[in-house]
Amino acid sequence: MTVLTAGRRILLLLGMPAVLFAVWWFATADSTDVYFPPLSTILRKFGEVWAGDRLTADILPSLLRLTAGYLLAVAVGVGLGLVVGMSRVVRDVLEPVLELFRAVPPPVLVPVIMLFAGIGDTMKILVIVSGCVWPILLNTVEGVRAVDEVLSDTCRSYGITGPSRLWHLVLRSASPQIVTGMRQSLSIGIILMVISEMFAASNGLGFTIVQFQRTFAIPEMWSGVLLLGLLGFVLSLLFRFAENRALAWYHGLRRAQRDT
């Protein structure tokens, strides 16, 4: 049964991408349109473009910026979310300001961030942070506010306060919603990584794809788009694996509740 379940999950996971690739392959097999080349041509260019020096010159810098911006957003979002969620006074004071900044699209902030952060990696990382932080922050606030009152009273009765209460009760109770915000931020981070590299950059996936487009290297451009899709897919799988390990207790509890 375990093998069958695992096989079914793999089939569900890879089935739709395989179907889409097959449709793409046959729909463009005889294409002569310069803007929509055959998938076979794109795959050939994929190996030529991204398996060489661009692996370290473009892909690695983009991944490092994404990682730095994403981790910084997690630290800021969870830290500030805990403070806001645990204090009604802080929440009442900061909520209007947070709603104001949350409504500003992160790409609009790129010129502003460039004014004080320059055009280097710091600017690109801050652009990623400016968009990734909000789902994490808001989900953390809601998770902290939803801590069970009975559990909170129990901790108070047993004298569990301070860092112990924060770690064992608040963070543990809010972790499912925090992880939900982190999952949402991951896809936002990939988008902002590309956008940030389209402004005053000299390397990275976003920069390279735009250069291909400007020089009418259309198959190479499509290979970059395909690489971004594969990157998002792989990062999503890695995140799901980490989530299942970190929240095994939560998923087990939900399965037990469904079985009963």
C-alpha atoms as a PDB file:
ATOM      1  CA  MET A   1       0.000   0.000   0.000  1.00  0.00           C
ATOM      2  CA  THR A   2       2.852   2.363   0.792  1.00  0.00           C
ATOM      3  CA  VAL A   3       4.466   1.718  -2.603  1.00  0.00           C
ATOM      4  CA  LEU A   4       1.154   2.262  -4.378  1.00  0.00           C
ATOM      5  CA  THR A   5       0.556   5.492  -2.482  1.00  0.00           C
ATOM      6  CA  ALA A   6       4.035   6.766  -3.299  1.00  0.00           C
ATOM      7  CA  GLY A   7       3.598   5.834  -6.956  1.00  0.00           C
ATOM      8  CA  ARG A   8       0.274   7.617  -7.103  1.00  0.00           C
ATOM      9  CA  ARG A   9       1.775  10.752  -5.582  1.00  0.00           C
ATOM     10  CA  ILE A  10       4.634  10.734  -8.084  1.00  0.00           C
ATOM     11  CA  LEU A  11       2.169  10.238 -10.936  1.00  0.00           C
ATOM     12  CA  LEU A  12       0.026  13.143  -9.738  1.00  0.00           C
ATOM     13  CA  LEU A  13       3.107  15.295  -9.264  1.00  0.00           C
ATOM     14  CA  LEU A  14       4.706  14.665 -12.650  1.00  0.00           C
ATOM     15  CA  GLY A  15       1.667  13.782 -14.730  1.00  0.00           C
ATOM     16  CA  MET A  16       0.453  17.282 -15.585  1.00  0.00           C
ATOM     17  CA  PRO A  17       3.950  18.697 -16.374  1.00  0.00           C
ATOM     18  CA  ALA A  18       4.537  15.706 -18.659  1.00  0.00           C
ATOM     19  CA  VAL A  19       1.235  16.326 -20.438  1.00  0.00           C
ATOM     20  CA  LEU A  20       2.016  20.031 -20.873  1.00  0.00           C
ATOM     21  CA  PHE A  21       5.468  19.261 -22.269  1.00  0.00           C
ATOM     22  CA  ALA A  22       3.964  16.749 -24.686  1.00  0.00           C
ATOM     23  CA  VAL A  23       1.374  19.277 -25.886  1.00  0.00           C
ATOM     24  CA  TRP A  24       4.092  21.923 -26.263  1.00  0.00           C
ATOM     25  CA  TRP A  25       6.307  19.509 -28.191  1.00  0.00           C
ATOM     26  CA  PHE A  26       3.675  18.449 -30.728  1.00  0.00           C
ATOM     27  CA  ALA A  27       2.074  21.907 -31.032  1.00  0.00           C
ATOM     28  CA  THR A  28       5.384  23.498 -32.031  1.00  0.00           C
ATOM     29  CA  ALA A  29       6.997  20.558 -33.849  1.00  0.00           C
ATOM     30  CA  ASP A  30       6.565  22.109 -37.304  1.00  0.00           C
ATOM     31  CA  SER A  31       6.637  25.743 -36.204  1.00  0.00           C
ATOM     32  CA  THR A  32       8.417  28.227 -38.465  1.00  0.00           C
ATOM     33  CA  ASP A  33       7.436  31.232 -36.353  1.00  0.00           C
ATOM     34  CA  VAL A  34      10.609  32.945 -35.142  1.00  0.00           C
ATOM     35  CA  TYR A  35       8.906  33.933 -31.889  1.00  0.00           C
ATOM     36  CA  PHE A  36       7.578  30.430 -31.120  1.00  0.00           C
ATOM     37  CA  PRO A  37      10.331  27.980 -32.084  1.00  0.00           C
ATOM     38  CA  PRO A  38       9.934  24.204 -31.705  1.00  0.00           C
ATOM     39  CA  LEU A  39      10.452  22.816 -28.221  1.00  0.00           C
ATOM     40  CA  SER A  40      13.215  20.593 -29.616  1.00  0.00           C
ATOM     41  CA  THR A  41      15.163  23.721 -30.598  1.00  0.00           C
ATOM     42  CA  ILE A  42      14.605  25.278 -27.179  1.00  0.00           C
ATOM     43  CA  LEU A  43      15.827  22.144 -25.409  1.00  0.00           C
ATOM     44  CA  ARG A  44      18.913  22.018 -27.588  1.00  0.00           C
ATOM     45  CA  LYS A  45      19.704  25.627 -26.774  1.00  0.00           C
ATOM     46  CA  PHE A  46      18.955  24.925 -23.117  1.00  0.00           C
ATOM     47  CA  GLY A  47      21.906  22.581 -22.855  1.00  0.00           C
ATOM     48  CA  GLU A  48      24.176  24.861 -24.847  1.00  0.00           C
ATOM     49  CA  VAL A  49      23.356  28.015 -22.895  1.00  0.00           C
ATOM     50  CA  TRP A  50      22.950  26.947 -19.280  1.00  0.00           C
ATOM     51  CA  ALA A  51      25.331  23.997 -18.909  1.00  0.00           C
ATOM     52  CA  GLY A  52      28.490  26.046 -19.443  1.00  0.00           C
ATOM     53  CA  ASP A  53      29.913  29.160 -17.853  1.00  0.00           C
ATOM     54  CA  ARG A  54      26.471  30.665 -17.282  1.00  0.00           C
ATOM     55  CA  LEU A  55      25.920  28.129 -14.513  1.00  0.00           C
ATOM     56  CA  THR A  56      28.315  30.062 -12.285  1.00  0.00           C
ATOM     57  CA  ALA A  57      28.033  33.444 -13.997  1.00  0.00           C
ATOM     58  CA  ASP A  58      24.223  33.782 -13.952  1.00  0.00           C
ATOM     59  CA  ILE A  59      22.388  30.924 -12.229  1.00  0.00           C
ATOM     60  CA  LEU A  60      24.484  30.813  -9.048  1.00  0.00           C
ATOM     61  CA  PRO A  61      24.363  34.608  -8.390  1.00  0.00           C
ATOM     62  CA  SER A  62      20.587  34.577  -8.854  1.00  0.00           C
ATOM     63  CA  LEU A  63      20.170  31.691  -6.427  1.00  0.00           C
ATOM     64  CA  LEU A  64      22.412  33.383  -3.861  1.00  0.00           C
ATOM     65  CA  ARG A  65      20.395  36.612  -4.077  1.00  0.00           C
ATOM     66  CA  LEU A  66      17.145  34.692  -3.792  1.00  0.00           C
ATOM     67  CA  THR A  67      18.411  32.757  -0.777  1.00  0.00           C
ATOM     68  CA  ALA A  68      19.703  35.859   0.998  1.00  0.00           C
ATOM     69  CA  GLY A  69      16.541  37.873   0.356  1.00  0.00           C
ATOM     70  CA  TYR A  70      14.228  35.011   1.266  1.00  0.00           C
ATOM     71  CA  LEU A  71      16.017  34.173   4.536  1.00  0.00           C
ATOM     72  CA  LEU A  72      16.132  37.835   5.523  1.00  0.00           C
ATOM     73  CA  ALA A  73      12.398  38.138   4.801  1.00  0.00           C
ATOM     74  CA  VAL A  74      11.740  35.066   6.966  1.00  0.00           C
ATOM     75  CA  ALA A  75      13.751  36.525   9.853  1.00  0.00           C
ATOM     76  CA  VAL A  76      12.066  39.947   9.629  1.00  0.00           C
ATOM     77  CA  GLY A  77       8.585  38.571   8.991  1.00  0.00           C
ATOM     78  CA  VAL A  78       8.602  36.029  11.802  1.00  0.00           C
ATOM     79  CA  GLY A  79      10.323  38.363  14.279  1.00  0.00           C
ATOM     80  CA  LEU A  80       8.040  41.322  13.645  1.00  0.00           C
ATOM     81  CA  GLY A  81       5.000  39.059  13.357  1.00  0.00           C
ATOM     82  CA  LEU A  82       5.632  37.644  16.829  1.00  0.00           C
ATOM     83  CA  VAL A  83       5.862  41.139  18.312  1.00  0.00           C
ATOM     84  CA  VAL A  84       2.741  42.387  16.542  1.00  0.00           C
ATOM     85  CA  GLY A  85       0.744  39.236  17.220  1.00  0.00           C
ATOM     86  CA  MET A  86       1.542  39.063  20.923  1.00  0.00           C
ATOM     87  CA  SER A  87       0.859  42.726  21.742  1.00  0.00           C
ATOM     88  CA  ARG A  88      -2.469  44.374  21.073  1.00  0.00           C
ATOM     89  CA  VAL A  89      -0.947  47.835  21.627  1.00  0.00           C
ATOM     90  CA  VAL A  90       1.804  47.243  19.064  1.00  0.00           C
ATOM     91  CA  ARG A  91      -0.744  45.788  16.659  1.00  0.00           C
ATOM     92  CA  ASP A  92      -3.034  48.824  16.944  1.00  0.00           C
ATOM     93  CA  VAL A  93      -0.107  51.198  16.389  1.00  0.00           C
ATOM     94  CA  LEU A  94       1.555  49.377  13.481  1.00  0.00           C
ATOM     95  CA  GLU A  95      -1.450  47.963  11.635  1.00  0.00           C
ATOM     96  CA  PRO A  96      -2.234  51.136   9.590  1.00  0.00           C
ATOM     97  CA  VAL A  97       1.433  51.475   8.606  1.00  0.00           C
ATOM     98  CA  LEU A  98       1.731  47.808   7.674  1.00  0.00           C
ATOM     99  CA  GLU A  99      -1.429  47.961   5.573  1.00  0.00           C
ATOM    100  CA  LEU A 100      -0.058  51.047   3.782  1.00  0.00           C
ATOM    101  CA  PHE A 101       3.248  49.441   2.840  1.00  0.00           C
ATOM    102  CA  ARG A 102       1.634  46.089   2.029  1.00  0.00           C
ATOM    103  CA  ALA A 103      -0.513  47.767  -0.629  1.00  0.00           C
ATOM    104  CA  VAL A 104       2.550  49.091  -2.499  1.00  0.00           C
ATOM    105  CA  PRO A 105       3.611  46.692  -5.303  1.00  0.00           C
ATOM    106  CA  PRO A 106       7.269  45.680  -4.745  1.00  0.00           C
ATOM    107  CA  PRO A 107       8.347  46.395  -8.375  1.00  0.00           C
ATOM    108  CA  VAL A 108       7.347  50.029  -7.853  1.00  0.00           C
ATOM    109  CA  LEU A 109       9.886  50.232  -5.028  1.00  0.00           C
ATOM    110  CA  VAL A 110      12.822  49.257  -7.255  1.00  0.00           C
ATOM    111  CA  PRO A 111      13.733  52.858  -8.252  1.00  0.00           C
ATOM    112  CA  VAL A 112      13.340  53.981  -4.635  1.00  0.00           C
ATOM    113  CA  ILE A 113      15.542  51.183  -3.307  1.00  0.00           C
ATOM    114  CA  MET A 114      18.128  51.980  -5.982  1.00  0.00           C
ATOM    115  CA  LEU A 115      18.405  55.544  -4.638  1.00  0.00           C
ATOM    116  CA  PHE A 116      19.787  54.480  -1.259  1.00  0.00           C
ATOM    117  CA  ALA A 117      21.066  50.947  -1.926  1.00  0.00           C
ATOM    118  CA  GLY A 118      22.756  51.477  -5.288  1.00  0.00           C
ATOM    119  CA  ILE A 119      22.604  49.006  -8.154  1.00  0.00           C
ATOM    120  CA  GLY A 120      24.529  46.109  -6.617  1.00  0.00           C
ATOM    121  CA  ASP A 121      23.425  42.924  -4.945  1.00  0.00           C
ATOM    122  CA  THR A 122      22.105  44.823  -1.897  1.00  0.00           C
ATOM    123  CA  MET A 123      19.409  46.445  -4.022  1.00  0.00           C
ATOM    124  CA  LYS A 124      18.358  43.139  -5.521  1.00  0.00           C
ATOM    125  CA  ILE A 125      18.187  41.437  -2.131  1.00  0.00           C
ATOM    126  CA  LEU A 126      16.114  44.274  -0.664  1.00  0.00           C
ATOM    127  CA  VAL A 127      13.679  44.075  -3.586  1.00  0.00           C
ATOM    128  CA  ILE A 128      13.166  40.396  -2.836  1.00  0.00           C
ATOM    129  CA  VAL A 129      12.693  41.154   0.869  1.00  0.00           C
ATOM    130  CA  SER A 130      10.171  43.918   0.132  1.00  0.00           C
ATOM    131  CA  GLY A 131       7.795  41.420  -1.449  1.00  0.00           C
ATOM    132  CA  CYS A 132       8.521  38.217   0.453  1.00  0.00           C
ATOM    133  CA  VAL A 133       8.146  39.664   3.926  1.00  0.00           C
ATOM    134  CA  TRP A 134       4.414  40.379   3.793  1.00  0.00           C
ATOM    135  CA  PRO A 135       2.906  36.875   3.489  1.00  0.00           C
ATOM    136  CA  ILE A 136       5.260  35.675   6.232  1.00  0.00           C
ATOM    137  CA  LEU A 137       4.518  38.635   8.495  1.00  0.00           C
ATOM    138  CA  LEU A 138       0.734  38.521   8.123  1.00  0.00           C
ATOM    139  CA  ASN A 139       0.521  34.755   8.503  1.00  0.00           C
ATOM    140  CA  THR A 140       2.736  34.901  11.589  1.00  0.00           C
ATOM    141  CA  VAL A 141       0.507  37.551  13.162  1.00  0.00           C
ATOM    142  CA  GLU A 142      -2.620  35.492  12.520  1.00  0.00           C
ATOM    143  CA  GLY A 143      -0.948  32.321  13.763  1.00  0.00           C
ATOM    144  CA  VAL A 144       0.148  33.982  17.009  1.00  0.00           C
ATOM    145  CA  ARG A 145      -3.287  35.463  17.589  1.00  0.00           C
ATOM    146  CA  ALA A 146      -4.877  32.038  17.092  1.00  0.00           C
ATOM    147  CA  VAL A 147      -2.918  30.343  19.901  1.00  0.00           C
ATOM    148  CA  ASP A 148      -5.287  28.179  21.941  1.00  0.00           C
ATOM    149  CA  GLU A 149      -6.332  29.959  25.133  1.00  0.00           C
ATOM    150  CA  VAL A 150      -6.515  26.692  27.053  1.00  0.00           C
ATOM    151  CA  LEU A 151      -2.910  25.874  26.175  1.00  0.00           C
ATOM    152  CA  SER A 152      -1.887  29.411  27.061  1.00  0.00           C
ATOM    153  CA  ASP A 153      -3.558  29.150  30.478  1.00  0.00           C
ATOM    154  CA  THR A 154      -1.950  25.755  31.022  1.00  0.00           C
ATOM    155  CA  CYS A 155       1.509  27.191  30.344  1.00  0.00           C
ATOM    156  CA  ARG A 156       0.801  30.019  32.743  1.00  0.00           C
ATOM    157  CA  SER A 157      -0.349  27.578  35.424  1.00  0.00           C
ATOM    158  CA  TYR A 158       2.842  25.541  35.125  1.00  0.00           C
ATOM    159  CA  GLY A 159       5.021  28.643  35.184  1.00  0.00           C
ATOM    160  CA  ILE A 160       6.154  28.298  31.557  1.00  0.00           C
ATOM    161  CA  THR A 161       6.971  31.852  30.577  1.00  0.00           C
ATOM    162  CA  GLY A 162       9.496  33.859  28.624  1.00  0.00           C
ATOM    163  CA  PRO A 163      11.560  32.137  25.932  1.00  0.00           C
ATOM    164  CA  SER A 164      10.206  28.682  26.859  1.00  0.00           C
ATOM    165  CA  ARG A 165       6.612  29.783  26.289  1.00  0.00           C
ATOM    166  CA  LEU A 166       7.590  31.547  23.061  1.00  0.00           C
ATOM    167  CA  TRP A 167       9.380  28.497  21.679  1.00  0.00           C
ATOM    168  CA  HIS A 168       7.197  25.631  22.876  1.00  0.00           C
ATOM    169  CA  LEU A 169       3.745  27.249  22.675  1.00  0.00           C
ATOM    170  CA  VAL A 170       3.604  30.326  20.477  1.00  0.00           C
ATOM    171  CA  LEU A 171       5.978  29.315  17.696  1.00  0.00           C
ATOM    172  CA  ARG A 172       4.824  25.696  17.718  1.00  0.00           C
ATOM    173  CA  SER A 173       1.155  26.712  17.489  1.00  0.00           C
ATOM    174  CA  ALA A 174       1.769  29.342  14.820  1.00  0.00           C
ATOM    175  CA  SER A 175       4.214  27.261  12.762  1.00  0.00           C
ATOM    176  CA  PRO A 176       1.619  25.861  10.285  1.00  0.00           C
ATOM    177  CA  GLN A 177       0.533  29.367   9.291  1.00  0.00           C
ATOM    178  CA  ILE A 178       4.117  30.637   9.289  1.00  0.00           C
ATOM    179  CA  VAL A 179       5.064  27.868   6.871  1.00  0.00           C
ATOM    180  CA  THR A 180       2.059  28.761   4.698  1.00  0.00           C
ATOM    181  CA  GLY A 181       3.358  32.323   4.451  1.00  0.00           C
ATOM    182  CA  MET A 182       6.862  31.056   3.665  1.00  0.00           C
ATOM    183  CA  ARG A 183       5.480  28.890   0.859  1.00  0.00           C
ATOM    184  CA  GLN A 184       3.645  31.849  -0.657  1.00  0.00           C
ATOM    185  CA  SER A 185       6.735  34.026  -0.374  1.00  0.00           C
ATOM    186  CA  LEU A 186       8.919  31.538  -2.218  1.00  0.00           C
ATOM    187  CA  SER A 187       7.125  32.036  -5.531  1.00  0.00           C
ATOM    188  CA  ILE A 188       7.039  35.803  -4.971  1.00  0.00           C
ATOM    189  CA  GLY A 189      10.786  35.723  -4.323  1.00  0.00           C
ATOM    190  CA  ILE A 190      11.499  34.041  -7.667  1.00  0.00           C
ATOM    191  CA  ILE A 191       9.452  36.678  -9.500  1.00  0.00           C
ATOM    192  CA  LEU A 192      11.178  39.556  -7.707  1.00  0.00           C
ATOM    193  CA  MET A 193      14.582  37.962  -8.255  1.00  0.00           C
ATOM    194  CA  VAL A 194      13.989  38.196 -12.005  1.00  0.00           C
ATOM    195  CA  ILE A 195      12.529  41.712 -11.837  1.00  0.00           C
ATOM    196  CA  SER A 196      15.406  43.047  -9.732  1.00  0.00           C
ATOM    197  CA  GLU A 197      17.933  41.669 -12.229  1.00  0.00           C
ATOM    198  CA  MET A 198      16.274  43.537 -15.081  1.00  0.00           C
ATOM    199  CA  PHE A 199      17.411  46.869 -13.626  1.00  0.00           C
ATOM    200  CA  ALA A 200      21.053  47.952 -13.901  1.00  0.00           C
ATOM    201  CA  ALA A 201      22.386  44.408 -13.653  1.00  0.00           C
ATOM    202  CA  SER A 202      25.331  42.704 -15.287  1.00  0.00           C
ATOM    203  CA  ASN A 203      24.479  39.069 -14.542  1.00  0.00           C
ATOM    204  CA  GLY A 204      21.682  36.842 -13.322  1.00  0.00           C
ATOM    205  CA  LEU A 205      18.779  35.041 -14.933  1.00  0.00           C
ATOM    206  CA  GLY A 206      16.622  38.144 -15.362  1.00  0.00           C
ATOM    207  CA  PHE A 207      19.469  40.096 -16.963  1.00  0.00           C
ATOM    208  CA  THR A 208      20.398  37.271 -19.328  1.00  0.00           C
ATOM    209  CA  ILE A 209      16.829  36.584 -20.464  1.00  0.00           C
ATOM    210  CA  VAL A 210      16.309  40.279 -21.254  1.00  0.00           C
ATOM    211  CA  GLN A 211      19.591  40.360 -23.180  1.00  0.00           C
ATOM    212  CA  PHE A 212      18.460  37.382 -25.249  1.00  0.00           C
ATOM    213  CA  GLN A 213      15.172  39.138 -25.972  1.00  0.00           C
ATOM    214  CA  ARG A 214      16.873  42.387 -26.991  1.00  0.00           C
ATOM    215  CA  THR A 215      19.237  40.594 -29.362  1.00  0.00           C
ATOM    216  CA  PHE A 216      16.402  38.484 -30.834  1.00  0.00           C
ATOM    217  CA  ALA A 217      17.957  35.235 -29.568  1.00  0.00           C
ATOM    218  CA  ILE A 218      14.455  33.834 -29.183  1.00  0.00           C
ATOM    219  CA  PRO A 219      15.254  30.118 -28.551  1.00  0.00           C
ATOM    220  CA  GLU A 220      17.807  31.160 -25.924  1.00  0.00           C
ATOM    221  CA  MET A 221      15.219  33.451 -24.341  1.00  0.00           C
ATOM    222  CA  TRP A 222      12.670  30.625 -24.171  1.00  0.00           C
ATOM    223  CA  SER A 223      15.314  28.360 -22.645  1.00  0.00           C
ATOM    224  CA  GLY A 224      15.698  30.913 -19.848  1.00  0.00           C
ATOM    225  CA  VAL A 225      11.948  30.986 -19.288  1.00  0.00           C
ATOM    226  CA  LEU A 226      11.959  27.192 -19.159  1.00  0.00           C
ATOM    227  CA  LEU A 227      14.827  27.275 -16.655  1.00  0.00           C
ATOM    228  CA  LEU A 228      12.855  29.613 -14.385  1.00  0.00           C
ATOM    229  CA  GLY A 229       9.898  27.244 -14.491  1.00  0.00           C
ATOM    230  CA  LEU A 230      12.077  24.269 -13.612  1.00  0.00           C
ATOM    231  CA  LEU A 231      13.743  26.264 -10.850  1.00  0.00           C
ATOM    232  CA  GLY A 232      10.382  27.117  -9.306  1.00  0.00           C
ATOM    233  CA  PHE A 233       9.282  23.485  -9.565  1.00  0.00           C
ATOM    234  CA  VAL A 234      12.438  22.144  -7.891  1.00  0.00           C
ATOM    235  CA  LEU A 235      12.351  24.747  -5.114  1.00  0.00           C
ATOM    236  CA  SER A 236       8.701  23.920  -4.479  1.00  0.00           C
ATOM    237  CA  LEU A 237       9.559  20.221  -4.128  1.00  0.00           C
ATOM    238  CA  LEU A 238      12.420  20.982  -1.749  1.00  0.00           C
ATOM    239  CA  PHE A 239      10.189  23.245   0.329  1.00  0.00           C
ATOM    240  CA  ARG A 240       7.468  20.602   0.484  1.00  0.00           C
ATOM    241  CA  PHE A 241       9.999  18.023   1.664  1.00  0.00           C
ATOM    242  CA  ALA A 242      11.300  20.366   4.384  1.00  0.00           C
ATOM    243  CA  GLU A 243       7.751  21.247   5.400  1.00  0.00           C
ATOM    244  CA  ASN A 244       6.763  17.590   5.775  1.00  0.00           C
ATOM    245  CA  ARG A 245       9.797  17.005   7.988  1.00  0.00           C
ATOM    246  CA  ALA A 246       9.326  20.103  10.128  1.00  0.00           C
ATOM    247  CA  LEU A 247       5.552  19.769  10.505  1.00  0.00           C
ATOM    248  CA  ALA A 248       5.322  15.989  10.700  1.00  0.00           C
ATOM    249  CA  TRP A 249       3.519  16.301  14.031  1.00  0.00           C
ATOM    250  CA  TYR A 250       0.925  18.651  12.528  1.00  0.00           C
ATOM    251  CA  HIS A 251       0.219  16.551   9.442  1.00  0.00           C
ATOM    252  CA  GLY A 252       0.027  13.436  11.619  1.00  0.00           C
ATOM    253  CA  LEU A 253      -2.503  15.161  13.870  1.00  0.00           C
ATOM    254  CA  ARG A 254      -4.635  16.157  10.890  1.00  0.00           C
ATOM    255  CA  ARG A 255      -4.564  12.606   9.503  1.00  0.00           C
ATOM    256  CA  ALA A 256      -5.615  11.244  12.889  1.00  0.00           C
ATOM    257  CA  GLN A 257      -8.490  13.703  13.065  1.00  0.00           C
ATOM    258  CA  ARG A 258      -9.668  12.702   9.580  1.00  0.00           C
ATOM    259  CA  ASP A 259      -9.497   9.008  10.469  1.00  0.00           C
ATOM    260  CA  THR A 260     -11.647   9.530  13.510  1.00  0.00           C
END
